Amino acid sequence: MNFYNCFDDQGKIIARCQTGQDIDVLKKMGRPIVEVRQMKNEEAVVCSLVGSPSDFNMDY
């Protein structure tokens, strides 16, 4: 399972997503996503333990 961190133009993380479709939805909602990086396995395990990546996205 892959998870992605989405960053704004200042390098701040603004969302965590599981699929490209999640990222597209956030972009359509107007989130200023400039860069997307795949999380390392040790980072991604935290997402799978706490639930869906959308739990981190307040607008979702």
C-alpha atoms as a PDB file:
ATOM      1  CA  MET A   1       0.000   0.000   0.000  1.00  0.00           C
ATOM      2  CA  ASN A   2       1.431   3.401  -1.000  1.00  0.00           C
ATOM      3  CA  PHE A   3       0.804   6.718   0.686  1.00  0.00           C
ATOM      4  CA  TYR A   4       1.793  10.177  -0.506  1.00  0.00           C
ATOM      5  CA  ASN A   5       2.630  13.489   1.166  1.00  0.00           C
ATOM      6  CA  CYS A   6       1.403  16.601  -0.634  1.00  0.00           C
ATOM      7  CA  PHE A   7       3.297  19.865  -0.185  1.00  0.00           C
ATOM      8  CA  ASP A   8       2.514  23.514  -0.909  1.00  0.00           C
ATOM      9  CA  ASP A   9       4.875  26.030  -2.549  1.00  0.00           C
ATOM     10  CA  GLN A  10       6.554  26.751   0.802  1.00  0.00           C
ATOM     11  CA  GLY A  11       7.376  23.068   1.382  1.00  0.00           C
ATOM     12  CA  LYS A  12       4.765  22.568   4.118  1.00  0.00           C
ATOM     13  CA  ILE A  13       2.833  19.309   4.142  1.00  0.00           C
ATOM     14  CA  ILE A  14      -0.830  20.008   3.469  1.00  0.00           C
ATOM     15  CA  ALA A  15      -2.274  16.510   2.931  1.00  0.00           C
ATOM     16  CA  ARG A  16      -1.589  12.793   3.003  1.00  0.00           C
ATOM     17  CA  CYS A  17      -3.220  10.696   0.293  1.00  0.00           C
ATOM     18  CA  GLN A  18      -3.369   7.058  -0.715  1.00  0.00           C
ATOM     19  CA  THR A  19      -4.125   7.339  -4.440  1.00  0.00           C
ATOM     20  CA  GLY A  20      -3.600   9.652  -7.360  1.00  0.00           C
ATOM     21  CA  GLN A  21      -7.365  10.117  -7.469  1.00  0.00           C
ATOM     22  CA  ASP A  22      -7.285  11.494  -3.899  1.00  0.00           C
ATOM     23  CA  ILE A  23      -4.635  13.994  -4.972  1.00  0.00           C
ATOM     24  CA  ASP A  24      -6.688  15.015  -8.032  1.00  0.00           C
ATOM     25  CA  VAL A  25      -9.765  15.594  -5.862  1.00  0.00           C
ATOM     26  CA  LEU A  26      -7.807  17.849  -3.515  1.00  0.00           C
ATOM     27  CA  LYS A  27      -6.397  19.817  -6.461  1.00  0.00           C
ATOM     28  CA  LYS A  28      -9.922  20.275  -7.853  1.00  0.00           C
ATOM     29  CA  MET A  29     -10.995  21.518  -4.411  1.00  0.00           C
ATOM     30  CA  GLY A  30      -8.359  24.230  -4.726  1.00  0.00           C
ATOM     31  CA  ARG A  31      -5.645  22.852  -2.451  1.00  0.00           C
ATOM     32  CA  PRO A  32      -2.317  24.394  -3.576  1.00  0.00           C
ATOM     33  CA  ILE A  33      -0.476  21.103  -4.126  1.00  0.00           C
ATOM     34  CA  VAL A  34       2.891  21.834  -5.729  1.00  0.00           C
ATOM     35  CA  GLU A  35       4.801  18.634  -4.971  1.00  0.00           C
ATOM     36  CA  VAL A  36       3.818  15.037  -4.204  1.00  0.00           C
ATOM     37  CA  ARG A  37       6.267  12.553  -2.652  1.00  0.00           C
ATOM     38  CA  GLN A  38       5.694   8.896  -1.905  1.00  0.00           C
ATOM     39  CA  MET A  39       6.090   8.115   1.777  1.00  0.00           C
ATOM     40  CA  LYS A  40       8.748   5.673   2.930  1.00  0.00           C
ATOM     41  CA  ASN A  41       7.474   2.360   4.272  1.00  0.00           C
ATOM     42  CA  GLU A  42       8.271   3.348   7.859  1.00  0.00           C
ATOM     43  CA  GLU A  43       6.257   6.570   7.450  1.00  0.00           C
ATOM     44  CA  ALA A  44       3.343   4.890   5.681  1.00  0.00           C
ATOM     45  CA  VAL A  45       2.820   2.320   8.424  1.00  0.00           C
ATOM     46  CA  VAL A  46       1.570   5.134  10.682  1.00  0.00           C
ATOM     47  CA  CYS A  47      -1.227   5.893   8.210  1.00  0.00           C
ATOM     48  CA  SER A  48      -2.309   2.287   8.057  1.00  0.00           C
ATOM     49  CA  LEU A  49      -2.382   2.064  11.861  1.00  0.00           C
ATOM     50  CA  VAL A  50      -4.528   5.156  12.408  1.00  0.00           C
ATOM     51  CA  GLY A  51      -6.981   4.645   9.572  1.00  0.00           C
ATOM     52  CA  SER A  52      -7.562   6.195   6.197  1.00  0.00           C
ATOM     53  CA  PRO A  53      -5.260   8.907   4.840  1.00  0.00           C
ATOM     54  CA  SER A  54      -8.381  11.023   4.413  1.00  0.00           C
ATOM     55  CA  ASP A  55      -8.466  11.236   8.221  1.00  0.00           C
ATOM     56  CA  PHE A  56      -5.586  13.699   7.823  1.00  0.00           C
ATOM     57  CA  ASN A  57      -7.384  15.825   5.218  1.00  0.00           C
ATOM     58  CA  MET A  58      -9.723  18.230   6.981  1.00  0.00           C
ATOM     59  CA  ASP A  59     -11.433  19.283   3.707  1.00  0.00           C
ATOM     60  CA  TYR A  60     -12.063  15.739   2.519  1.00  0.00           C
END
